Amino acid sequence: MANKVKYKLLPKTFSNDDKSYRAAVEAYKSLSLEDIIQEMEFRHSSLTTADMVALFEDFSRTIVKRIIEGDRVNLDLFQLSLSIKGTFIDQDDQFDSSRHKVRVCISASRAFQRTVTQSVRVEKQLSELPTPKLEWFFNLEGSEPNTVLSPTHMARIKGERLAFDQNDPRQGLFIMPVNDSGQQSNSEIRVDRFSQATRGQLVFRVPDGLAPGFYRLEVRAIFGTNNLRTGAFKDILEVK
């Protein structure tokens, strides 16, 4: 049975006079192209993951090329086209990048909207303050499982609301030593080398010199004007 789409109610405005609320949908996962391909593979056993990645990359390049050339793309899922924003003074006026801007327009197809809206089921969740959400950890060293931190090697965290100001020492990705029972010690290590740091994914180099033992990963980020909030990965990781 398909998951229900979860939503929470949040205040619509910051005004104390307005007590209305809006629904905020929460995604179960943030999926990449590789994630989609992994789900498709069992239907296309004759194609490898590399074949499918290459196919989709060429598909994307072709769409970009045709849009840049001024075409409109109509697919089963969506339509893509270009528009120009800005005011032209008269019939003789020309495009001026200081006054006009080219915009990409994307809209879901009617068939896609109809299929989704007629099939989706929703479920209300208790509201909570937004915090970093660490959902998956991947050891990119290659030979080690995803339960292990490998010093000097790359690793990846996927989740939600993971972005932070890397220049603020209060914020960041922290590696917290813990004992066998998961109790945290006083020391902590702040990760300082990232190849990617976005809302949905952190790709980082595990620091040198981590002693063998158990560790917990935490992301700390500012929300609003100055609200520092922490999200922790649910599983304890090991340095061997």
C-alpha atoms as a PDB file:
ATOM      1  CA  MET A   1       0.000   0.000   0.000  1.00  0.00           C
ATOM      2  CA  ALA A   2       1.328   3.451  -0.925  1.00  0.00           C
ATOM      3  CA  ASN A   3       2.430   5.845   1.799  1.00  0.00           C
ATOM      4  CA  LYS A   4       0.100   8.649   2.725  1.00  0.00           C
ATOM      5  CA  VAL A   5       1.324  12.172   2.018  1.00  0.00           C
ATOM      6  CA  LYS A   6       2.060  13.769   5.378  1.00  0.00           C
ATOM      7  CA  TYR A   7       1.274  17.388   6.129  1.00  0.00           C
ATOM      8  CA  LYS A   8       1.474  19.736   9.088  1.00  0.00           C
ATOM      9  CA  LEU A   9      -0.351  22.964   9.842  1.00  0.00           C
ATOM     10  CA  LEU A  10       1.772  26.098  10.262  1.00  0.00           C
ATOM     11  CA  PRO A  11       0.716  29.687  11.012  1.00  0.00           C
ATOM     12  CA  LYS A  12      -0.123  31.470   7.774  1.00  0.00           C
ATOM     13  CA  THR A  13       1.410  34.762   8.889  1.00  0.00           C
ATOM     14  CA  PHE A  14       3.474  36.081  11.759  1.00  0.00           C
ATOM     15  CA  SER A  15       0.683  38.431  12.790  1.00  0.00           C
ATOM     16  CA  ASN A  16      -0.988  37.754  16.133  1.00  0.00           C
ATOM     17  CA  ASP A  17      -4.255  38.995  14.652  1.00  0.00           C
ATOM     18  CA  ASP A  18      -4.383  36.317  11.962  1.00  0.00           C
ATOM     19  CA  LYS A  19      -5.054  32.855  13.392  1.00  0.00           C
ATOM     20  CA  SER A  20      -5.338  31.025  10.072  1.00  0.00           C
ATOM     21  CA  TYR A  21      -2.991  28.197   9.138  1.00  0.00           C
ATOM     22  CA  ARG A  22      -1.502  26.715   5.980  1.00  0.00           C
ATOM     23  CA  ALA A  23      -0.667  23.111   5.186  1.00  0.00           C
ATOM     24  CA  ALA A  24       3.012  22.229   4.714  1.00  0.00           C
ATOM     25  CA  VAL A  25       3.618  18.907   2.950  1.00  0.00           C
ATOM     26  CA  GLU A  26       6.594  16.896   4.219  1.00  0.00           C
ATOM     27  CA  ALA A  27       8.377  14.598   1.781  1.00  0.00           C
ATOM     28  CA  TYR A  28       9.295  11.106   2.930  1.00  0.00           C
ATOM     29  CA  LYS A  29      12.569  11.228   1.018  1.00  0.00           C
ATOM     30  CA  SER A  30      14.544  13.550  -1.218  1.00  0.00           C
ATOM     31  CA  LEU A  31      15.243  11.417  -4.280  1.00  0.00           C
ATOM     32  CA  SER A  32      18.123  11.815  -6.718  1.00  0.00           C
ATOM     33  CA  LEU A  33      18.331  10.461 -10.268  1.00  0.00           C
ATOM     34  CA  GLU A  34      20.206   7.421  -8.926  1.00  0.00           C
ATOM     35  CA  ASP A  35      17.408   6.738  -6.444  1.00  0.00           C
ATOM     36  CA  ILE A  36      14.798   6.778  -9.205  1.00  0.00           C
ATOM     37  CA  ILE A  37      16.925   4.499 -11.358  1.00  0.00           C
ATOM     38  CA  GLN A  38      17.391   2.023  -8.522  1.00  0.00           C
ATOM     39  CA  GLU A  39      13.616   1.748  -8.239  1.00  0.00           C
ATOM     40  CA  MET A  40      13.232   1.315 -12.006  1.00  0.00           C
ATOM     41  CA  GLU A  41      15.944  -1.297 -12.488  1.00  0.00           C
ATOM     42  CA  PHE A  42      13.839  -4.370 -11.759  1.00  0.00           C
ATOM     43  CA  ARG A  43      11.640  -3.462 -14.745  1.00  0.00           C
ATOM     44  CA  HIS A  44      14.622  -2.964 -17.061  1.00  0.00           C
ATOM     45  CA  SER A  45      16.986  -5.800 -16.218  1.00  0.00           C
ATOM     46  CA  SER A  46      18.733  -5.567 -19.604  1.00  0.00           C
ATOM     47  CA  LEU A  47      19.995  -2.057 -18.746  1.00  0.00           C
ATOM     48  CA  THR A  48      22.674  -1.371 -16.166  1.00  0.00           C
ATOM     49  CA  THR A  49      22.574   1.591 -13.795  1.00  0.00           C
ATOM     50  CA  ALA A  50      25.353   3.216 -15.859  1.00  0.00           C
ATOM     51  CA  ASP A  51      23.289   2.752 -19.029  1.00  0.00           C
ATOM     52  CA  MET A  52      20.264   4.407 -17.463  1.00  0.00           C
ATOM     53  CA  VAL A  53      22.267   7.288 -15.976  1.00  0.00           C
ATOM     54  CA  ALA A  54      23.811   7.941 -19.400  1.00  0.00           C
ATOM     55  CA  LEU A  55      20.364   7.811 -21.015  1.00  0.00           C
ATOM     56  CA  PHE A  56      18.864  10.328 -18.591  1.00  0.00           C
ATOM     57  CA  GLU A  57      21.880  12.640 -18.818  1.00  0.00           C
ATOM     58  CA  ASP A  58      21.588  12.686 -22.615  1.00  0.00           C
ATOM     59  CA  PHE A  59      17.825  13.198 -22.262  1.00  0.00           C
ATOM     60  CA  SER A  60      18.447  16.219 -20.012  1.00  0.00           C
ATOM     61  CA  ARG A  61      21.098  17.703 -22.317  1.00  0.00           C
ATOM     62  CA  THR A  62      18.781  17.362 -25.296  1.00  0.00           C
ATOM     63  CA  ILE A  63      15.928  19.127 -23.498  1.00  0.00           C
ATOM     64  CA  VAL A  64      18.217  21.990 -22.427  1.00  0.00           C
ATOM     65  CA  LYS A  65      19.554  22.316 -25.989  1.00  0.00           C
ATOM     66  CA  ARG A  66      16.087  22.515 -27.552  1.00  0.00           C
ATOM     67  CA  ILE A  67      14.788  24.980 -24.953  1.00  0.00           C
ATOM     68  CA  ILE A  68      17.833  27.230 -25.524  1.00  0.00           C
ATOM     69  CA  GLU A  69      17.050  27.071 -29.257  1.00  0.00           C
ATOM     70  CA  GLY A  70      13.543  28.386 -28.536  1.00  0.00           C
ATOM     71  CA  ASP A  71      11.456  25.219 -28.726  1.00  0.00           C
ATOM     72  CA  ARG A  72       8.664  24.151 -26.396  1.00  0.00           C
ATOM     73  CA  VAL A  73       8.896  20.670 -24.833  1.00  0.00           C
ATOM     74  CA  ASN A  74       5.668  18.782 -24.102  1.00  0.00           C
ATOM     75  CA  LEU A  75       6.045  15.548 -22.136  1.00  0.00           C
ATOM     76  CA  ASP A  76       3.613  13.311 -20.290  1.00  0.00           C
ATOM     77  CA  LEU A  77       4.726  14.760 -16.954  1.00  0.00           C
ATOM     78  CA  PHE A  78       5.356  18.432 -17.714  1.00  0.00           C
ATOM     79  CA  GLN A  79       5.699  21.206 -20.289  1.00  0.00           C
ATOM     80  CA  LEU A  80       8.757  23.450 -20.619  1.00  0.00           C
ATOM     81  CA  SER A  81       8.952  26.779 -22.415  1.00  0.00           C
ATOM     82  CA  LEU A  82      10.544  30.227 -22.190  1.00  0.00           C
ATOM     83  CA  SER A  83       9.084  33.626 -21.402  1.00  0.00           C
ATOM     84  CA  ILE A  84      10.551  37.123 -21.148  1.00  0.00           C
ATOM     85  CA  LYS A  85       9.879  39.262 -18.099  1.00  0.00           C
ATOM     86  CA  GLY A  86       9.982  43.037 -18.232  1.00  0.00           C
ATOM     87  CA  THR A  87       8.339  46.006 -19.952  1.00  0.00           C
ATOM     88  CA  PHE A  88       9.099  47.137 -23.510  1.00  0.00           C
ATOM     89  CA  ILE A  89       8.651  50.854 -24.168  1.00  0.00           C
ATOM     90  CA  ASP A  90       7.320  50.579 -27.726  1.00  0.00           C
ATOM     91  CA  GLN A  91       7.351  48.379 -30.835  1.00  0.00           C
ATOM     92  CA  ASP A  92      10.939  49.415 -31.639  1.00  0.00           C
ATOM     93  CA  ASP A  93      12.306  48.568 -28.190  1.00  0.00           C
ATOM     94  CA  GLN A  94      14.838  45.695 -27.990  1.00  0.00           C
ATOM     95  CA  PHE A  95      15.688  43.116 -25.353  1.00  0.00           C
ATOM     96  CA  ASP A  96      17.930  44.702 -22.722  1.00  0.00           C
ATOM     97  CA  SER A  97      19.399  42.424 -20.042  1.00  0.00           C
ATOM     98  CA  SER A  98      19.347  45.294 -17.548  1.00  0.00           C
ATOM     99  CA  ARG A  99      15.542  45.612 -17.939  1.00  0.00           C
ATOM    100  CA  HIS A 100      14.439  42.212 -19.184  1.00  0.00           C
ATOM    101  CA  LYS A 101      14.976  38.663 -18.055  1.00  0.00           C
ATOM    102  CA  VAL A 102      14.464  35.311 -19.744  1.00  0.00           C
ATOM    103  CA  ARG A 103      12.548  32.873 -17.531  1.00  0.00           C
ATOM    104  CA  VAL A 104      12.056  29.127 -17.771  1.00  0.00           C
ATOM    105  CA  CYS A 105       8.400  28.139 -17.413  1.00  0.00           C
ATOM    106  CA  ILE A 106       7.554  24.638 -16.237  1.00  0.00           C
ATOM    107  CA  SER A 107       4.077  23.320 -15.545  1.00  0.00           C
ATOM    108  CA  ALA A 108       2.725  19.891 -14.732  1.00  0.00           C
ATOM    109  CA  SER A 109       0.687  18.307 -17.494  1.00  0.00           C
ATOM    110  CA  ARG A 110      -3.054  17.928 -16.988  1.00  0.00           C
ATOM    111  CA  ALA A 111      -2.769  14.138 -17.113  1.00  0.00           C
ATOM    112  CA  PHE A 112      -0.043  14.150 -14.458  1.00  0.00           C
ATOM    113  CA  GLN A 113      -2.001  16.491 -12.185  1.00  0.00           C
ATOM    114  CA  ARG A 114      -5.177  14.453 -12.619  1.00  0.00           C
ATOM    115  CA  THR A 115      -3.423  11.138 -11.863  1.00  0.00           C
ATOM    116  CA  VAL A 116      -1.700  12.475  -8.748  1.00  0.00           C
ATOM    117  CA  THR A 117      -4.600  14.420  -7.270  1.00  0.00           C
ATOM    118  CA  GLN A 118      -7.045  11.557  -7.790  1.00  0.00           C
ATOM    119  CA  SER A 119      -4.718   8.947  -6.292  1.00  0.00           C
ATOM    120  CA  VAL A 120      -2.980  10.701  -3.402  1.00  0.00           C
ATOM    121  CA  ARG A 121      -4.046  10.116   0.209  1.00  0.00           C
ATOM    122  CA  VAL A 122      -3.082  12.562   2.950  1.00  0.00           C
ATOM    123  CA  GLU A 123      -2.397  12.225   6.664  1.00  0.00           C
ATOM    124  CA  LYS A 124      -2.109  15.039   9.190  1.00  0.00           C
ATOM    125  CA  GLN A 125       0.975  15.100  11.434  1.00  0.00           C
ATOM    126  CA  LEU A 126       1.689  16.936  14.668  1.00  0.00           C
ATOM    127  CA  SER A 127       3.411  20.254  14.013  1.00  0.00           C
ATOM    128  CA  GLU A 128       6.962  20.738  15.218  1.00  0.00           C
ATOM    129  CA  LEU A 129       9.735  23.275  14.840  1.00  0.00           C
ATOM    130  CA  PRO A 130      11.832  22.783  11.681  1.00  0.00           C
ATOM    131  CA  THR A 131      15.225  21.258  12.476  1.00  0.00           C
ATOM    132  CA  PRO A 132      17.958  19.558  10.445  1.00  0.00           C
ATOM    133  CA  LYS A 133      16.877  16.028   9.550  1.00  0.00           C
ATOM    134  CA  LEU A 134      19.630  13.459   8.925  1.00  0.00           C
ATOM    135  CA  GLU A 135      17.977  10.483   7.230  1.00  0.00           C
ATOM    136  CA  TRP A 136      20.725   8.410   5.549  1.00  0.00           C
ATOM    137  CA  PHE A 137      24.491   8.018   5.878  1.00  0.00           C
ATOM    138  CA  PHE A 138      26.705   6.583   3.130  1.00  0.00           C
ATOM    139  CA  ASN A 139      30.364   5.630   3.542  1.00  0.00           C
ATOM    140  CA  LEU A 140      31.905   6.449   0.142  1.00  0.00           C
ATOM    141  CA  GLU A 141      35.175   4.653   0.872  1.00  0.00           C
ATOM    142  CA  GLY A 142      33.790   1.678  -1.016  1.00  0.00           C
ATOM    143  CA  SER A 143      34.786  -1.359   1.005  1.00  0.00           C
ATOM    144  CA  GLU A 144      33.254  -0.348   4.339  1.00  0.00           C
ATOM    145  CA  PRO A 145      29.557  -0.596   5.302  1.00  0.00           C
ATOM    146  CA  ASN A 146      27.393   2.451   5.981  1.00  0.00           C
ATOM    147  CA  THR A 147      27.753   1.874   9.726  1.00  0.00           C
ATOM    148  CA  VAL A 148      31.425   2.898   9.650  1.00  0.00           C
ATOM    149  CA  LEU A 149      33.196   6.274   9.587  1.00  0.00           C
ATOM    150  CA  SER A 150      36.426   6.050   7.585  1.00  0.00           C
ATOM    151  CA  PRO A 151      38.925   8.844   8.445  1.00  0.00           C
ATOM    152  CA  THR A 152      40.455  10.621   5.396  1.00  0.00           C
ATOM    153  CA  HIS A 153      37.690   9.240   3.120  1.00  0.00           C
ATOM    154  CA  MET A 154      34.523  10.846   1.788  1.00  0.00           C
ATOM    155  CA  ALA A 155      31.046  10.274   3.203  1.00  0.00           C
ATOM    156  CA  ARG A 156      27.556  11.518   2.429  1.00  0.00           C
ATOM    157  CA  ILE A 157      24.507  12.462   4.481  1.00  0.00           C
ATOM    158  CA  LYS A 158      21.097  12.845   2.874  1.00  0.00           C
ATOM    159  CA  GLY A 159      18.093  14.431   4.511  1.00  0.00           C
ATOM    160  CA  GLU A 160      16.254  17.724   4.872  1.00  0.00           C
ATOM    161  CA  ARG A 161      17.136  21.224   6.071  1.00  0.00           C
ATOM    162  CA  LEU A 162      20.850  20.384   6.201  1.00  0.00           C
ATOM    163  CA  ALA A 163      22.145  23.753   4.938  1.00  0.00           C
ATOM    164  CA  PHE A 164      24.125  25.973   7.314  1.00  0.00           C
ATOM    165  CA  ASP A 165      26.550  28.901   7.322  1.00  0.00           C
ATOM    166  CA  GLN A 166      30.009  27.350   7.145  1.00  0.00           C
ATOM    167  CA  ASN A 167      31.585  30.597   8.369  1.00  0.00           C
ATOM    168  CA  ASP A 168      29.637  30.489  11.648  1.00  0.00           C
ATOM    169  CA  PRO A 169      31.460  28.230  14.163  1.00  0.00           C
ATOM    170  CA  ARG A 170      28.189  27.550  15.993  1.00  0.00           C
ATOM    171  CA  GLN A 171      26.772  25.893  12.896  1.00  0.00           C
ATOM    172  CA  GLY A 172      27.961  22.893  10.936  1.00  0.00           C
ATOM    173  CA  LEU A 173      28.328  19.143  10.868  1.00  0.00           C
ATOM    174  CA  PHE A 174      29.732  17.812  14.135  1.00  0.00           C
ATOM    175  CA  ILE A 175      31.105  14.371  14.972  1.00  0.00           C
ATOM    176  CA  MET A 176      30.336  13.555  18.598  1.00  0.00           C
ATOM    177  CA  PRO A 177      32.205  10.772  20.464  1.00  0.00           C
ATOM    178  CA  VAL A 178      29.872   8.507  22.461  1.00  0.00           C
ATOM    179  CA  ASN A 179      30.340   5.435  24.650  1.00  0.00           C
ATOM    180  CA  ASP A 180      28.911   1.958  24.068  1.00  0.00           C
ATOM    181  CA  SER A 181      25.529   2.984  25.473  1.00  0.00           C
ATOM    182  CA  GLY A 182      25.322   6.071  23.263  1.00  0.00           C
ATOM    183  CA  GLN A 183      26.107   8.566  26.021  1.00  0.00           C
ATOM    184  CA  GLN A 184      27.921  11.583  24.635  1.00  0.00           C
ATOM    185  CA  SER A 185      31.306  12.800  25.852  1.00  0.00           C
ATOM    186  CA  ASN A 186      32.278  16.461  26.149  1.00  0.00           C
ATOM    187  CA  SER A 187      34.532  16.638  23.096  1.00  0.00           C
ATOM    188  CA  GLU A 188      33.316  17.203  19.535  1.00  0.00           C
ATOM    189  CA  ILE A 189      34.868  17.499  16.077  1.00  0.00           C
ATOM    190  CA  ARG A 190      33.556  20.042  13.557  1.00  0.00           C
ATOM    191  CA  VAL A 191      33.849  18.932   9.931  1.00  0.00           C
ATOM    192  CA  ASP A 192      35.527  21.579   7.782  1.00  0.00           C
ATOM    193  CA  ARG A 193      35.888  19.991   4.333  1.00  0.00           C
ATOM    194  CA  PHE A 194      32.842  19.656   2.067  1.00  0.00           C
ATOM    195  CA  SER A 195      32.537  18.942  -1.630  1.00  0.00           C
ATOM    196  CA  GLN A 196      28.797  19.573  -1.456  1.00  0.00           C
ATOM    197  CA  ALA A 197      26.634  21.226   1.189  1.00  0.00           C
ATOM    198  CA  THR A 198      22.962  21.765   0.299  1.00  0.00           C
ATOM    199  CA  ARG A 199      19.596  21.535   2.026  1.00  0.00           C
ATOM    200  CA  GLY A 200      19.245  17.903   0.975  1.00  0.00           C
ATOM    201  CA  GLN A 201      22.790  16.560   1.012  1.00  0.00           C
ATOM    202  CA  LEU A 202      26.211  16.926   2.652  1.00  0.00           C
ATOM    203  CA  VAL A 203      29.255  15.320   1.048  1.00  0.00           C
ATOM    204  CA  PHE A 204      32.275  15.659   3.321  1.00  0.00           C
ATOM    205  CA  ARG A 205      35.733  14.354   4.128  1.00  0.00           C
ATOM    206  CA  VAL A 206      35.863  12.464   7.410  1.00  0.00           C
ATOM    207  CA  PRO A 207      38.559  14.202   9.511  1.00  0.00           C
ATOM    208  CA  ASP A 208      41.942  12.616  10.111  1.00  0.00           C
ATOM    209  CA  GLY A 209      42.892  11.255  13.481  1.00  0.00           C
ATOM    210  CA  LEU A 210      39.515  10.028  14.732  1.00  0.00           C
ATOM    211  CA  ALA A 211      40.277   7.497  17.449  1.00  0.00           C
ATOM    212  CA  PRO A 212      38.659   4.047  17.184  1.00  0.00           C
ATOM    213  CA  GLY A 213      35.291   4.103  18.901  1.00  0.00           C
ATOM    214  CA  PHE A 214      31.688   5.161  18.464  1.00  0.00           C
ATOM    215  CA  TYR A 215      30.368   8.498  17.183  1.00  0.00           C
ATOM    216  CA  ARG A 216      27.128  10.341  16.499  1.00  0.00           C
ATOM    217  CA  LEU A 217      26.624  12.846  13.666  1.00  0.00           C
ATOM    218  CA  GLU A 218      24.883  16.166  14.339  1.00  0.00           C
ATOM    219  CA  VAL A 219      23.964  19.107  12.134  1.00  0.00           C
ATOM    220  CA  ARG A 220      23.463  22.501  13.774  1.00  0.00           C
ATOM    221  CA  ALA A 221      21.896  25.349  11.821  1.00  0.00           C
ATOM    222  CA  ILE A 222      20.299  28.733  12.405  1.00  0.00           C
ATOM    223  CA  PHE A 223      16.570  29.030  11.701  1.00  0.00           C
ATOM    224  CA  GLY A 224      14.846  32.391  11.601  1.00  0.00           C
ATOM    225  CA  THR A 225      16.899  35.267  12.945  1.00  0.00           C
ATOM    226  CA  ASN A 226      19.020  33.461  15.521  1.00  0.00           C
ATOM    227  CA  ASN A 227      17.487  30.132  16.530  1.00  0.00           C
ATOM    228  CA  LEU A 228      20.221  27.486  16.641  1.00  0.00           C
ATOM    229  CA  ARG A 229      18.698  24.021  16.259  1.00  0.00           C
ATOM    230  CA  THR A 230      20.277  20.579  16.181  1.00  0.00           C
ATOM    231  CA  GLY A 231      19.404  17.413  14.301  1.00  0.00           C
ATOM    232  CA  ALA A 232      21.162  14.090  14.976  1.00  0.00           C
ATOM    233  CA  PHE A 233      21.510  10.929  12.897  1.00  0.00           C
ATOM    234  CA  LYS A 234      19.597   8.127  14.592  1.00  0.00           C
ATOM    235  CA  ASP A 235      22.327   5.477  14.305  1.00  0.00           C
ATOM    236  CA  ILE A 236      25.692   5.352  16.061  1.00  0.00           C
ATOM    237  CA  LEU A 237      28.660   5.053  13.671  1.00  0.00           C
ATOM    238  CA  GLU A 238      31.976   3.336  14.361  1.00  0.00           C
ATOM    239  CA  VAL A 239      35.595   4.176  13.619  1.00  0.00           C
ATOM    240  CA  LYS A 240      37.534   0.916  13.491  1.00  0.00           C
END
